Amino acid sequence: MAYFEFCLHEVSDPARALTHARTLASDIVVFDHLPVSPWSFHAAEEDKVRRSAEAMERFGVRRRQTFSTEQRFRDHDELLAKIRVQGPVAIQRAERFIGATNVVIPMSYGLALL
């Protein structure tokens, strides 16, 4: 089995990575964000997540399970510390939480067998 855990969306060419993984194992398992995830939006990764989800669909998903959780932060500063490395778009999107405490951002993710 080849296993991708919250990283396929970070790969520059997810289709190529999946094709290579198939040469290593007959089963490929992917845990990753879903395109509908508010967290992916706030982390400014929605394009990367969409691209990897499309590659998985083209590759062929045999089974899938979706999950929901939450990203929780004490305040805007803690959120900003987490997403700052994502760049100016993520920082701008976090501005809506300035002054907020107990910040909760839903996160949808999935487990797929390819």
PDB file of N, CA and C in Angstrom:
ATOM      1  N   MET A   1       0.840  -1.168   0.000  1.00  0.00           N
ATOM      2  CA  MET A   1       0.000   0.000   0.000  1.00  0.00           C
ATOM      3  C   MET A   1       0.894   1.244   0.000  1.00  0.00           C
ATOM      4  N   ALA A   2       0.533   2.214  -0.816  1.00  0.00           N
ATOM      5  CA  ALA A   2       1.161   3.534  -0.772  1.00  0.00           C
ATOM      6  C   ALA A   2       0.191   4.457  -0.040  1.00  0.00           C
ATOM      7  N   TYR A   3       0.700   5.292   0.846  1.00  0.00           N
ATOM      8  CA  TYR A   3      -0.126   6.084   1.742  1.00  0.00           C
ATOM      9  C   TYR A   3       0.271   7.554   1.691  1.00  0.00           C
ATOM     10  N   PHE A   4      -0.716   8.413   1.435  1.00  0.00           N
ATOM     11  CA  PHE A   4      -0.523   9.863   1.439  1.00  0.00           C
ATOM     12  C   PHE A   4      -1.351  10.425   2.589  1.00  0.00           C
ATOM     13  N   GLU A   5      -0.708  11.091   3.533  1.00  0.00           N
ATOM     14  CA  GLU A   5      -1.437  11.649   4.667  1.00  0.00           C
ATOM     15  C   GLU A   5      -1.309  13.170   4.673  1.00  0.00           C
ATOM     16  N   PHE A   6      -2.383  13.835   4.300  1.00  0.00           N
ATOM     17  CA  PHE A   6      -2.450  15.296   4.258  1.00  0.00           C
ATOM     18  C   PHE A   6      -1.258  15.900   3.526  1.00  0.00           C
ATOM     19  N   CYS A   7      -0.887  15.280   2.412  1.00  0.00           N
ATOM     20  CA  CYS A   7       0.250  15.801   1.658  1.00  0.00           C
ATOM     21  C   CYS A   7       0.027  15.796   0.150  1.00  0.00           C
ATOM     22  N   LEU A   8      -0.931  15.038  -0.357  1.00  0.00           N
ATOM     23  CA  LEU A   8      -1.099  14.975  -1.811  1.00  0.00           C
ATOM     24  C   LEU A   8      -1.371  16.361  -2.379  1.00  0.00           C
ATOM     25  N   HIS A   9      -2.129  17.179  -1.669  1.00  0.00           N
ATOM     26  CA  HIS A   9      -2.421  18.524  -2.166  1.00  0.00           C
ATOM     27  C   HIS A   9      -1.165  19.406  -2.222  1.00  0.00           C
ATOM     28  N   GLU A  10      -0.118  19.041  -1.507  1.00  0.00           N
ATOM     29  CA  GLU A  10       1.129  19.816  -1.524  1.00  0.00           C
ATOM     30  C   GLU A  10       2.055  19.432  -2.674  1.00  0.00           C
ATOM     31  N   VAL A  11       1.777  18.322  -3.326  1.00  0.00           N
ATOM     32  CA  VAL A  11       2.612  17.836  -4.424  1.00  0.00           C
ATOM     33  C   VAL A  11       2.319  18.671  -5.676  1.00  0.00           C
ATOM     34  N   SER A  12       3.371  19.065  -6.389  1.00  0.00           N
ATOM     35  CA  SER A  12       3.173  19.926  -7.569  1.00  0.00           C
ATOM     36  C   SER A  12       2.391  19.240  -8.683  1.00  0.00           C
ATOM     37  N   ASP A  13       2.514  17.927  -8.804  1.00  0.00           N
ATOM     38  CA  ASP A  13       1.785  17.185  -9.830  1.00  0.00           C
ATOM     39  C   ASP A  13       1.174  15.935  -9.183  1.00  0.00           C
ATOM     40  N   PRO A  14      -0.019  16.089  -8.579  1.00  0.00           N
ATOM     41  CA  PRO A  14      -0.614  14.953  -7.871  1.00  0.00           C
ATOM     42  C   PRO A  14      -0.891  13.756  -8.770  1.00  0.00           C
ATOM     43  N   ALA A  15      -1.253  13.977 -10.014  1.00  0.00           N
ATOM     44  CA  ALA A  15      -1.516  12.854 -10.923  1.00  0.00           C
ATOM     45  C   ALA A  15      -0.243  12.038 -11.140  1.00  0.00           C
ATOM     46  N   ARG A  16       0.852  12.728 -11.308  1.00  0.00           N
ATOM     47  CA  ARG A  16       2.134  12.038 -11.492  1.00  0.00           C
ATOM     48  C   ARG A  16       2.519  11.265 -10.230  1.00  0.00           C
ATOM     49  N   ALA A  17       2.286  11.856  -9.071  1.00  0.00           N
ATOM     50  CA  ALA A  17       2.595  11.172  -7.806  1.00  0.00           C
ATOM     51  C   ALA A  17       1.759   9.906  -7.656  1.00  0.00           C
ATOM     52  N   LEU A  18       0.479   9.985  -8.031  1.00  0.00           N
ATOM     53  CA  LEU A  18      -0.386   8.805  -7.938  1.00  0.00           C
ATOM     54  C   LEU A  18       0.054   7.725  -8.924  1.00  0.00           C
ATOM     55  N   THR A  19       0.434   8.135 -10.117  1.00  0.00           N
ATOM     56  CA  THR A  19       0.907   7.172 -11.109  1.00  0.00           C
ATOM     57  C   THR A  19       2.167   6.464 -10.612  1.00  0.00           C
ATOM     58  N   HIS A  20       3.069   7.217 -10.025  1.00  0.00           N
ATOM     59  CA  HIS A  20       4.273   6.608  -9.465  1.00  0.00           C
ATOM     60  C   HIS A  20       3.923   5.680  -8.304  1.00  0.00           C
ATOM     61  N   ALA A  21       3.007   6.114  -7.445  1.00  0.00           N
ATOM     62  CA  ALA A  21       2.606   5.280  -6.305  1.00  0.00           C
ATOM     63  C   ALA A  21       2.053   3.944  -6.780  1.00  0.00           C
ATOM     64  N   ARG A  22       1.334   3.947  -7.894  1.00  0.00           N
ATOM     65  CA  ARG A  22       0.771   2.701  -8.426  1.00  0.00           C
ATOM     66  C   ARG A  22       1.870   1.724  -8.841  1.00  0.00           C
ATOM     67  N   THR A  23       3.035   2.238  -9.237  1.00  0.00           N
ATOM     68  CA  THR A  23       4.139   1.335  -9.576  1.00  0.00           C
ATOM     69  C   THR A  23       4.729   0.684  -8.326  1.00  0.00           C
ATOM     70  N   LEU A  24       4.468   1.254  -7.163  1.00  0.00           N
ATOM     71  CA  LEU A  24       5.005   0.747  -5.906  1.00  0.00           C
ATOM     72  C   LEU A  24       4.039  -0.179  -5.176  1.00  0.00           C
ATOM     73  N   ALA A  25       2.736   0.021  -5.401  1.00  0.00           N
ATOM     74  CA  ALA A  25       1.746  -0.750  -4.641  1.00  0.00           C
ATOM     75  C   ALA A  25       0.437  -0.823  -5.418  1.00  0.00           C
ATOM     76  N   SER A  26      -0.292  -1.896  -5.199  1.00  0.00           N
ATOM     77  CA  SER A  26      -1.571  -2.047  -5.895  1.00  0.00           C
ATOM     78  C   SER A  26      -2.684  -1.215  -5.261  1.00  0.00           C
ATOM     79  N   ASP A  27      -2.527  -0.877  -3.982  1.00  0.00           N
ATOM     80  CA  ASP A  27      -3.511  -0.040  -3.305  1.00  0.00           C
ATOM     81  C   ASP A  27      -2.871   1.283  -2.916  1.00  0.00           C
ATOM     82  N   ILE A  28      -3.612   2.353  -3.127  1.00  0.00           N
ATOM     83  CA  ILE A  28      -3.170   3.685  -2.729  1.00  0.00           C
ATOM     84  C   ILE A  28      -4.235   4.233  -1.793  1.00  0.00           C
ATOM     85  N   VAL A  29      -3.803   4.709  -0.634  1.00  0.00           N
ATOM     86  CA  VAL A  29      -4.711   5.294   0.350  1.00  0.00           C
ATOM     87  C   VAL A  29      -4.330   6.761   0.523  1.00  0.00           C
ATOM     88  N   VAL A  30      -5.349   7.612   0.463  1.00  0.00           N
ATOM     89  CA  VAL A  30      -5.112   9.048   0.599  1.00  0.00           C
ATOM     90  C   VAL A  30      -6.018   9.601   1.701  1.00  0.00           C
ATOM     91  N   PHE A  31      -5.413  10.210   2.701  1.00  0.00           N
ATOM     92  CA  PHE A  31      -6.110  11.028   3.697  1.00  0.00           C
ATOM     93  C   PHE A  31      -5.782  12.464   3.325  1.00  0.00           C
ATOM     94  N   ASP A  32      -6.776  13.287   3.054  1.00  0.00           N
ATOM     95  CA  ASP A  32      -6.459  14.674   2.710  1.00  0.00           C
ATOM     96  C   ASP A  32      -7.692  15.545   2.828  1.00  0.00           C
ATOM     97  N   HIS A  33      -7.461  16.836   2.755  1.00  0.00           N
ATOM     98  CA  HIS A  33      -8.540  17.822   2.813  1.00  0.00           C
ATOM     99  C   HIS A  33      -9.488  17.621   1.634  1.00  0.00           C
ATOM    100  N   LEU A  34     -10.741  18.016   1.835  1.00  0.00           N
ATOM    101  CA  LEU A  34     -11.721  17.999   0.759  1.00  0.00           C
ATOM    102  C   LEU A  34     -11.891  19.410   0.205  1.00  0.00           C
ATOM    103  N   PRO A  35     -12.245  19.516  -1.078  1.00  0.00           N
ATOM    104  CA  PRO A  35     -12.408  20.843  -1.676  1.00  0.00           C
ATOM    105  C   PRO A  35     -13.447  21.720  -0.967  1.00  0.00           C
ATOM    106  N   VAL A  36     -14.404  21.120  -0.289  1.00  0.00           N
ATOM    107  CA  VAL A  36     -15.453  21.895   0.388  1.00  0.00           C
ATOM    108  C   VAL A  36     -15.042  22.355   1.787  1.00  0.00           C
ATOM    109  N   SER A  37     -13.830  22.068   2.202  1.00  0.00           N
ATOM    110  CA  SER A  37     -13.395  22.354   3.563  1.00  0.00           C
ATOM    111  C   SER A  37     -13.168  23.847   3.802  1.00  0.00           C
ATOM    112  N   PRO A  38     -13.879  24.430   4.765  1.00  0.00           N
ATOM    113  CA  PRO A  38     -13.605  25.828   5.110  1.00  0.00           C
ATOM    114  C   PRO A  38     -12.157  26.040   5.557  1.00  0.00           C
ATOM    115  N   TRP A  39     -11.569  25.040   6.201  1.00  0.00           N
ATOM    116  CA  TRP A  39     -10.172  25.188   6.621  1.00  0.00           C
ATOM    117  C   TRP A  39      -9.256  25.355   5.414  1.00  0.00           C
ATOM    118  N   SER A  40      -9.479  24.602   4.349  1.00  0.00           N
ATOM    119  CA  SER A  40      -8.653  24.745   3.141  1.00  0.00           C
ATOM    120  C   SER A  40      -8.743  26.160   2.591  1.00  0.00           C
ATOM    121  N   PHE A  41      -9.937  26.752   2.670  1.00  0.00           N
ATOM    122  CA  PHE A  41     -10.117  28.141   2.231  1.00  0.00           C
ATOM    123  C   PHE A  41      -9.292  29.080   3.111  1.00  0.00           C
ATOM    124  N   HIS A  42      -9.424  28.953   4.425  1.00  0.00           N
ATOM    125  CA  HIS A  42      -8.727  29.860   5.333  1.00  0.00           C
ATOM    126  C   HIS A  42      -7.212  29.674   5.274  1.00  0.00           C
ATOM    127  N   ALA A  43      -6.764  28.486   4.936  1.00  0.00           N
ATOM    128  CA  ALA A  43      -5.331  28.241   4.787  1.00  0.00           C
ATOM    129  C   ALA A  43      -4.844  28.593   3.380  1.00  0.00           C
ATOM    130  N   ALA A  44      -5.746  29.119   2.552  1.00  0.00           N
ATOM    131  CA  ALA A  44      -5.434  29.517   1.176  1.00  0.00           C
ATOM    132  C   ALA A  44      -4.878  28.345   0.369  1.00  0.00           C
ATOM    133  N   GLU A  45      -5.469  27.158   0.582  1.00  0.00           N
ATOM    134  CA  GLU A  45      -5.033  25.969  -0.139  1.00  0.00           C
ATOM    135  C   GLU A  45      -6.134  25.383  -1.009  1.00  0.00           C
ATOM    136  N   GLU A  46      -7.205  26.122  -1.207  1.00  0.00           N
ATOM    137  CA  GLU A  46      -8.342  25.547  -1.926  1.00  0.00           C
ATOM    138  C   GLU A  46      -7.994  25.131  -3.353  1.00  0.00           C
ATOM    139  N   ASP A  47      -7.124  25.860  -4.024  1.00  0.00           N
ATOM    140  CA  ASP A  47      -6.736  25.469  -5.389  1.00  0.00           C
ATOM    141  C   ASP A  47      -5.918  24.182  -5.388  1.00  0.00           C
ATOM    142  N   LYS A  48      -4.992  24.077  -4.448  1.00  0.00           N
ATOM    143  CA  LYS A  48      -4.177  22.853  -4.351  1.00  0.00           C
ATOM    144  C   LYS A  48      -5.050  21.646  -3.990  1.00  0.00           C
ATOM    145  N   VAL A  49      -5.978  21.849  -3.070  1.00  0.00           N
ATOM    146  CA  VAL A  49      -6.854  20.752  -2.648  1.00  0.00           C
ATOM    147  C   VAL A  49      -7.753  20.320  -3.801  1.00  0.00           C
ATOM    148  N   ARG A  50      -8.287  21.284  -4.539  1.00  0.00           N
ATOM    149  CA  ARG A  50      -9.131  20.957  -5.694  1.00  0.00           C
ATOM    150  C   ARG A  50      -8.341  20.178  -6.739  1.00  0.00           C
ATOM    151  N   ARG A  51      -7.108  20.621  -7.000  1.00  0.00           N
ATOM    152  CA  ARG A  51      -6.258  19.959  -7.994  1.00  0.00           C
ATOM    153  C   ARG A  51      -5.971  18.503  -7.600  1.00  0.00           C
ATOM    154  N   SER A  52      -5.669  18.258  -6.336  1.00  0.00           N
ATOM    155  CA  SER A  52      -5.381  16.880  -5.921  1.00  0.00           C
ATOM    156  C   SER A  52      -6.654  16.036  -5.918  1.00  0.00           C
ATOM    157  N   ALA A  53      -7.787  16.621  -5.540  1.00  0.00           N
ATOM    158  CA  ALA A  53      -9.060  15.875  -5.571  1.00  0.00           C
ATOM    159  C   ALA A  53      -9.422  15.491  -7.003  1.00  0.00           C
ATOM    160  N   GLU A  54      -9.206  16.391  -7.940  1.00  0.00           N
ATOM    161  CA  GLU A  54      -9.478  16.082  -9.353  1.00  0.00           C
ATOM    162  C   GLU A  54      -8.559  14.976  -9.857  1.00  0.00           C
ATOM    163  N   ALA A  55      -7.307  15.002  -9.456  1.00  0.00           N
ATOM    164  CA  ALA A  55      -6.372  13.941  -9.866  1.00  0.00           C
ATOM    165  C   ALA A  55      -6.819  12.598  -9.315  1.00  0.00           C
ATOM    166  N   MET A  56      -7.284  12.579  -8.089  1.00  0.00           N
ATOM    167  CA  MET A  56      -7.770  11.332  -7.497  1.00  0.00           C
ATOM    168  C   MET A  56      -8.997  10.820  -8.246  1.00  0.00           C
ATOM    169  N   GLU A  57      -9.908  11.701  -8.587  1.00  0.00           N
ATOM    170  CA  GLU A  57     -11.112  11.293  -9.322  1.00  0.00           C
ATOM    171  C   GLU A  57     -10.745  10.703 -10.680  1.00  0.00           C
ATOM    172  N   ARG A  58      -9.831  11.361 -11.382  1.00  0.00           N
ATOM    173  CA  ARG A  58      -9.395  10.847 -12.685  1.00  0.00           C
ATOM    174  C   ARG A  58      -8.689   9.505 -12.542  1.00  0.00           C
ATOM    175  N   PHE A  59      -7.989   9.338 -11.450  1.00  0.00           N
ATOM    176  CA  PHE A  59      -7.242   8.107 -11.210  1.00  0.00           C
ATOM    177  C   PHE A  59      -8.193   6.958 -10.897  1.00  0.00           C
ATOM    178  N   GLY A  60      -9.296   7.279 -10.221  1.00  0.00           N
ATOM    179  CA  GLY A  60     -10.299   6.278  -9.881  1.00  0.00           C
ATOM    180  C   GLY A  60     -10.358   5.978  -8.399  1.00  0.00           C
ATOM    181  N   VAL A  61     -11.408   6.428  -7.764  1.00  0.00           N
ATOM    182  CA  VAL A  61     -11.608   6.183  -6.338  1.00  0.00           C
ATOM    183  C   VAL A  61     -12.481   4.944  -6.191  1.00  0.00           C
ATOM    184  N   ARG A  62     -11.955   3.933  -5.503  1.00  0.00           N
ATOM    185  CA  ARG A  62     -12.704   2.682  -5.290  1.00  0.00           C
ATOM    186  C   ARG A  62     -13.604   2.768  -4.066  1.00  0.00           C
ATOM    187  N   ARG A  63     -13.125   3.397  -3.032  1.00  0.00           N
ATOM    188  CA  ARG A  63     -13.917   3.586  -1.805  1.00  0.00           C
ATOM    189  C   ARG A  63     -13.555   4.932  -1.216  1.00  0.00           C
ATOM    190  N   ARG A  64     -14.530   5.489  -0.503  1.00  0.00           N
ATOM    191  CA  ARG A  64     -14.284   6.807   0.079  1.00  0.00           C
ATOM    192  C   ARG A  64     -15.093   6.962   1.359  1.00  0.00           C
ATOM    193  N   GLN A  65     -14.518   7.683   2.294  1.00  0.00           N
ATOM    194  CA  GLN A  65     -15.202   8.032   3.540  1.00  0.00           C
ATOM    195  C   GLN A  65     -14.851   9.480   3.852  1.00  0.00           C
ATOM    196  N   THR A  66     -15.830  10.252   4.252  1.00  0.00           N
ATOM    197  CA  THR A  66     -15.568  11.646   4.594  1.00  0.00           C
ATOM    198  C   THR A  66     -15.723  11.855   6.098  1.00  0.00           C
ATOM    199  N   PHE A  67     -15.003  12.839   6.596  1.00  0.00           N
ATOM    200  CA  PHE A  67     -14.991  13.150   8.021  1.00  0.00           C
ATOM    201  C   PHE A  67     -15.035  14.656   8.201  1.00  0.00           C
ATOM    202  N   SER A  68     -15.483  15.067   9.362  1.00  0.00           N
ATOM    203  CA  SER A  68     -15.498  16.490   9.715  1.00  0.00           C
ATOM    204  C   SER A  68     -14.889  16.660  11.092  1.00  0.00           C
ATOM    205  N   THR A  69     -14.098  17.676  11.230  1.00  0.00           N
ATOM    206  CA  THR A  69     -13.525  18.038  12.514  1.00  0.00           C
ATOM    207  C   THR A  69     -13.439  19.555  12.557  1.00  0.00           C
ATOM    208  N   GLU A  70     -12.701  20.078  13.483  1.00  0.00           N
ATOM    209  CA  GLU A  70     -12.561  21.528  13.600  1.00  0.00           C
ATOM    210  C   GLU A  70     -11.115  21.881  13.921  1.00  0.00           C
ATOM    211  N   GLN A  71     -10.695  22.989  13.377  1.00  0.00           N
ATOM    212  CA  GLN A  71      -9.437  23.601  13.781  1.00  0.00           C
ATOM    213  C   GLN A  71      -9.820  24.641  14.833  1.00  0.00           C
ATOM    214  N   ARG A  72      -9.208  24.575  15.996  1.00  0.00           N
ATOM    215  CA  ARG A  72      -9.552  25.476  17.101  1.00  0.00           C
ATOM    216  C   ARG A  72      -8.329  26.292  17.517  1.00  0.00           C
ATOM    217  N   PHE A  73      -8.588  27.571  17.772  1.00  0.00           N
ATOM    218  CA  PHE A  73      -7.529  28.489  18.170  1.00  0.00           C
ATOM    219  C   PHE A  73      -8.029  29.377  19.300  1.00  0.00           C
ATOM    220  N   ARG A  74      -7.153  29.671  20.240  1.00  0.00           N
ATOM    221  CA  ARG A  74      -7.550  30.531  21.365  1.00  0.00           C
ATOM    222  C   ARG A  74      -7.989  31.908  20.893  1.00  0.00           C
ATOM    223  N   ASP A  75      -7.269  32.410  19.877  1.00  0.00           N
ATOM    224  CA  ASP A  75      -7.564  33.763  19.403  1.00  0.00           C
ATOM    225  C   ASP A  75      -6.945  33.962  18.016  1.00  0.00           C
ATOM    226  N   HIS A  76      -7.091  35.160  17.507  1.00  0.00           N
ATOM    227  CA  HIS A  76      -6.570  35.493  16.184  1.00  0.00           C
ATOM    228  C   HIS A  76      -5.063  35.286  16.112  1.00  0.00           C
ATOM    229  N   ASP A  77      -4.356  35.657  17.155  1.00  0.00           N
ATOM    230  CA  ASP A  77      -2.889  35.518  17.142  1.00  0.00           C
ATOM    231  C   ASP A  77      -2.461  34.072  16.972  1.00  0.00           C
ATOM    232  N   GLU A  78      -3.139  33.157  17.656  1.00  0.00           N
ATOM    233  CA  GLU A  78      -2.789  31.740  17.522  1.00  0.00           C
ATOM    234  C   GLU A  78      -3.110  31.232  16.111  1.00  0.00           C
ATOM    235  N   LEU A  79      -4.243  31.644  15.565  1.00  0.00           N
ATOM    236  CA  LEU A  79      -4.586  31.295  14.182  1.00  0.00           C
ATOM    237  C   LEU A  79      -3.537  31.840  13.228  1.00  0.00           C
ATOM    238  N   LEU A  80      -3.181  33.083  13.410  1.00  0.00           N
ATOM    239  CA  LEU A  80      -2.200  33.716  12.530  1.00  0.00           C
ATOM    240  C   LEU A  80      -0.852  32.999  12.586  1.00  0.00           C
ATOM    241  N   ALA A  81      -0.459  32.559  13.758  1.00  0.00           N
ATOM    242  CA  ALA A  81       0.799  31.814  13.885  1.00  0.00           C
ATOM    243  C   ALA A  81       0.758  30.528  13.062  1.00  0.00           C
ATOM    244  N   LYS A  82      -0.405  29.910  12.964  1.00  0.00           N
ATOM    245  CA  LYS A  82      -0.553  28.659  12.211  1.00  0.00           C
ATOM    246  C   LYS A  82      -0.548  28.901  10.705  1.00  0.00           C
ATOM    247  N   ILE A  83      -1.229  29.934  10.229  1.00  0.00           N
ATOM    248  CA  ILE A  83      -1.432  30.106   8.779  1.00  0.00           C
ATOM    249  C   ILE A  83      -0.498  31.133   8.142  1.00  0.00           C
ATOM    250  N   ARG A  84       0.276  31.831   8.926  1.00  0.00           N
ATOM    251  CA  ARG A  84       1.157  32.884   8.381  1.00  0.00           C
ATOM    252  C   ARG A  84       2.039  32.355   7.250  1.00  0.00           C
ATOM    253  N   VAL A  85       2.542  31.125   7.383  1.00  0.00           N
ATOM    254  CA  VAL A  85       3.429  30.561   6.363  1.00  0.00           C
ATOM    255  C   VAL A  85       2.705  30.320   5.040  1.00  0.00           C
ATOM    256  N   GLN A  86       1.381  30.354   5.052  1.00  0.00           N
ATOM    257  CA  GLN A  86       0.600  30.141   3.824  1.00  0.00           C
ATOM    258  C   GLN A  86       0.577  31.381   2.942  1.00  0.00           C
ATOM    259  N   GLY A  87       1.015  32.512   3.473  1.00  0.00           N
ATOM    260  CA  GLY A  87       1.147  33.701   2.657  1.00  0.00           C
ATOM    261  C   GLY A  87       0.077  34.752   2.879  1.00  0.00           C
ATOM    262  N   PRO A  88       0.127  35.811   2.057  1.00  0.00           N
ATOM    263  CA  PRO A  88      -0.720  36.981   2.268  1.00  0.00           C
ATOM    264  C   PRO A  88      -2.224  36.714   2.131  1.00  0.00           C
ATOM    265  N   VAL A  89      -2.616  35.795   1.276  1.00  0.00           N
ATOM    266  CA  VAL A  89      -4.052  35.516   1.119  1.00  0.00           C
ATOM    267  C   VAL A  89      -4.607  34.917   2.409  1.00  0.00           C
ATOM    268  N   ALA A  90      -3.911  33.964   2.978  1.00  0.00           N
ATOM    269  CA  ALA A  90      -4.361  33.356   4.233  1.00  0.00           C
ATOM    270  C   ALA A  90      -4.368  34.389   5.359  1.00  0.00           C
ATOM    271  N   ILE A  91      -3.366  35.221   5.403  1.00  0.00           N
ATOM    272  CA  ILE A  91      -3.308  36.268   6.430  1.00  0.00           C
ATOM    273  C   ILE A  91      -4.496  37.216   6.282  1.00  0.00           C
ATOM    274  N   GLN A  92      -4.793  37.597   5.059  1.00  0.00           N
ATOM    275  CA  GLN A  92      -5.942  38.483   4.813  1.00  0.00           C
ATOM    276  C   GLN A  92      -7.247  37.810   5.227  1.00  0.00           C
ATOM    277  N   ARG A  93      -7.405  36.538   4.914  1.00  0.00           N
ATOM    278  CA  ARG A  93      -8.629  35.832   5.273  1.00  0.00           C
ATOM    279  C   ARG A  93      -8.784  35.693   6.785  1.00  0.00           C
ATOM    280  N   ALA A  94      -7.676  35.667   7.496  1.00  0.00           N
ATOM    281  CA  ALA A  94      -7.730  35.550   8.961  1.00  0.00           C
ATOM    282  C   ALA A  94      -8.139  36.855   9.635  1.00  0.00           C
ATOM    283  N   GLU A  95      -8.099  37.952   8.890  1.00  0.00           N
ATOM    284  CA  GLU A  95      -8.444  39.247   9.482  1.00  0.00           C
ATOM    285  C   GLU A  95      -9.856  39.274  10.054  1.00  0.00           C
ATOM    286  N   ARG A  96     -10.739  38.455   9.518  1.00  0.00           N
ATOM    287  CA  ARG A  96     -12.123  38.464  10.035  1.00  0.00           C
ATOM    288  C   ARG A  96     -12.188  37.986  11.480  1.00  0.00           C
ATOM    289  N   PHE A  97     -11.104  37.353  11.962  1.00  0.00           N
ATOM    290  CA  PHE A  97     -11.070  36.843  13.336  1.00  0.00           C
ATOM    291  C   PHE A  97     -10.327  37.768  14.302  1.00  0.00           C
ATOM    292  N   ILE A  98      -9.911  38.949  13.842  1.00  0.00           N
ATOM    293  CA  ILE A  98      -9.232  39.894  14.731  1.00  0.00           C
ATOM    294  C   ILE A  98     -10.172  40.221  15.887  1.00  0.00           C
ATOM    295  N   GLY A  99      -9.642  40.092  17.077  1.00  0.00           N
ATOM    296  CA  GLY A  99     -10.430  40.371  18.277  1.00  0.00           C
ATOM    297  C   GLY A  99     -11.266  39.195  18.765  1.00  0.00           C
ATOM    298  N   ALA A 100     -11.353  38.151  17.976  1.00  0.00           N
ATOM    299  CA  ALA A 100     -12.157  36.984  18.362  1.00  0.00           C
ATOM    300  C   ALA A 100     -11.372  36.085  19.305  1.00  0.00           C
ATOM    301  N   THR A 101     -12.108  35.357  20.128  1.00  0.00           N
ATOM    302  CA  THR A 101     -11.526  34.313  20.955  1.00  0.00           C
ATOM    303  C   THR A 101     -12.263  33.021  20.652  1.00  0.00           C
ATOM    304  N   ASN A 102     -11.649  31.917  21.006  1.00  0.00           N
ATOM    305  CA  ASN A 102     -12.248  30.606  20.742  1.00  0.00           C
ATOM    306  C   ASN A 102     -12.652  30.470  19.269  1.00  0.00           C
ATOM    307  N   VAL A 103     -11.692  30.681  18.383  1.00  0.00           N
ATOM    308  CA  VAL A 103     -11.924  30.611  16.940  1.00  0.00           C
ATOM    309  C   VAL A 103     -12.076  29.137  16.543  1.00  0.00           C
ATOM    310  N   VAL A 104     -13.156  28.829  15.844  1.00  0.00           N
ATOM    311  CA  VAL A 104     -13.427  27.465  15.386  1.00  0.00           C
ATOM    312  C   VAL A 104     -13.652  27.510  13.878  1.00  0.00           C
ATOM    313  N   ILE A 105     -12.862  26.741  13.134  1.00  0.00           N
ATOM    314  CA  ILE A 105     -12.993  26.670  11.679  1.00  0.00           C
ATOM    315  C   ILE A 105     -13.217  25.204  11.311  1.00  0.00           C
ATOM    316  N   PRO A 106     -14.366  24.891  10.708  1.00  0.00           N
ATOM    317  CA  PRO A 106     -14.633  23.501  10.308  1.00  0.00           C
ATOM    318  C   PRO A 106     -13.599  23.014   9.300  1.00  0.00           C
ATOM    319  N   MET A 107     -13.274  21.731   9.403  1.00  0.00           N
ATOM    320  CA  MET A 107     -12.329  21.106   8.482  1.00  0.00           C
ATOM    321  C   MET A 107     -12.916  19.784   7.996  1.00  0.00           C
ATOM    322  N   SER A 108     -13.136  19.692   6.699  1.00  0.00           N
ATOM    323  CA  SER A 108     -13.618  18.447   6.080  1.00  0.00           C
ATOM    324  C   SER A 108     -12.441  17.761   5.431  1.00  0.00           C
ATOM    325  N   TYR A 109     -12.369  16.450   5.622  1.00  0.00           N
ATOM    326  CA  TYR A 109     -11.293  15.683   5.006  1.00  0.00           C
ATOM    327  C   TYR A 109     -11.829  14.305   4.653  1.00  0.00           C
ATOM    328  N   GLY A 110     -11.073  13.613   3.843  1.00  0.00           N
ATOM    329  CA  GLY A 110     -11.542  12.321   3.384  1.00  0.00           C
ATOM    330  C   GLY A 110     -10.457  11.270   3.377  1.00  0.00           C
ATOM    331  N   LEU A 111     -10.918  10.060   3.386  1.00  0.00           N
ATOM    332  CA  LEU A 111     -10.073   8.881   3.245  1.00  0.00           C
ATOM    333  C   LEU A 111     -10.513   8.201   1.948  1.00  0.00           C
ATOM    334  N   ALA A 112      -9.576   7.986   1.062  1.00  0.00           N
ATOM    335  CA  ALA A 112      -9.914   7.392  -0.228  1.00  0.00           C
ATOM    336  C   ALA A 112      -8.988   6.219  -0.515  1.00  0.00           C
ATOM    337  N   LEU A 113      -9.577   5.171  -1.061  1.00  0.00           N
ATOM    338  CA  LEU A 113      -8.818   4.031  -1.550  1.00  0.00           C
ATOM    339  C   LEU A 113      -8.849   4.091  -3.054  1.00  0.00           C
ATOM    340  N   LEU A 114      -7.667   4.168  -3.663  1.00  0.00           N
ATOM    341  CA  LEU A 114      -7.573   4.246  -5.121  1.00  0.00           C
ATOM    342  C   LEU A 114      -7.069   2.925  -5.660  1.00  0.00           C
TER     343      LEU A 114
END
